[in-house]
Amino acid sequence: MSARISNWLCVTVARDTSPTVPRESVGTVSHDSIQTLPHDTLGLAAKRVREIAVIEEATRTPGAPPWVIGAANLRGSILPLVDLGALLGISAPRGVAAMPSSHAPAIVAIWEGELDGLPSTVGLVVESVSDLLEVPEAEIERAPEFGTDVPAEILLGLARSGDHFALLVDIERALRRSR
């Protein structure tokens, strides 16, 4: 009997790198010596990602939550665009700066799932798409309870591939939680 394999699309999102803790020594480690990585690698359930698209134009959505960038026309369908980093609390909402344009197109993972029992399609704006991880389900580690900017209740686990790892996120739970 073969192990069940779980497929995860690895994406990166920008992270706020400004220090939130005063730069002072704590014990023998100085905050100046701690490196903050500019991106976080996240795993999205591959079965929920319909496609990866490049969006060059979007329209701002007035009154939307700060993590909603706007809406785009994707082959005749209206696609709401969500700043994944802002949704998960990894980065501050970038507002108009995150809006796709011909000068700065956006990489979008087209996610399909269910929200409130209804089929939903959302464009998740990410910095990059890097890999497809095929991980035996038995090798997915428990989600860290602390030490990450992503709220623990959104994490499904941690997948390792060699020296790299990805935080596996539940997009449905993140969207429901943020309403």
Foldseek 3Di string as FASTA:
>chain_A
DDFDKFKWWKFKAFADPDDPDPQDDDPPDTPVPDDDDGIAIATERPVFFPDKDWFAAFDADPPDPLQWQGWGQDPNDIATEGAVCCLQQRHPRPHPVLGHHNVRIFIWGWGWDDAPRHIDTHTHTTPGTDDMDIGRPVQFAQADCDDDSGHNVQFPGWDDDVPDIHTYGNVNVSVVVRD
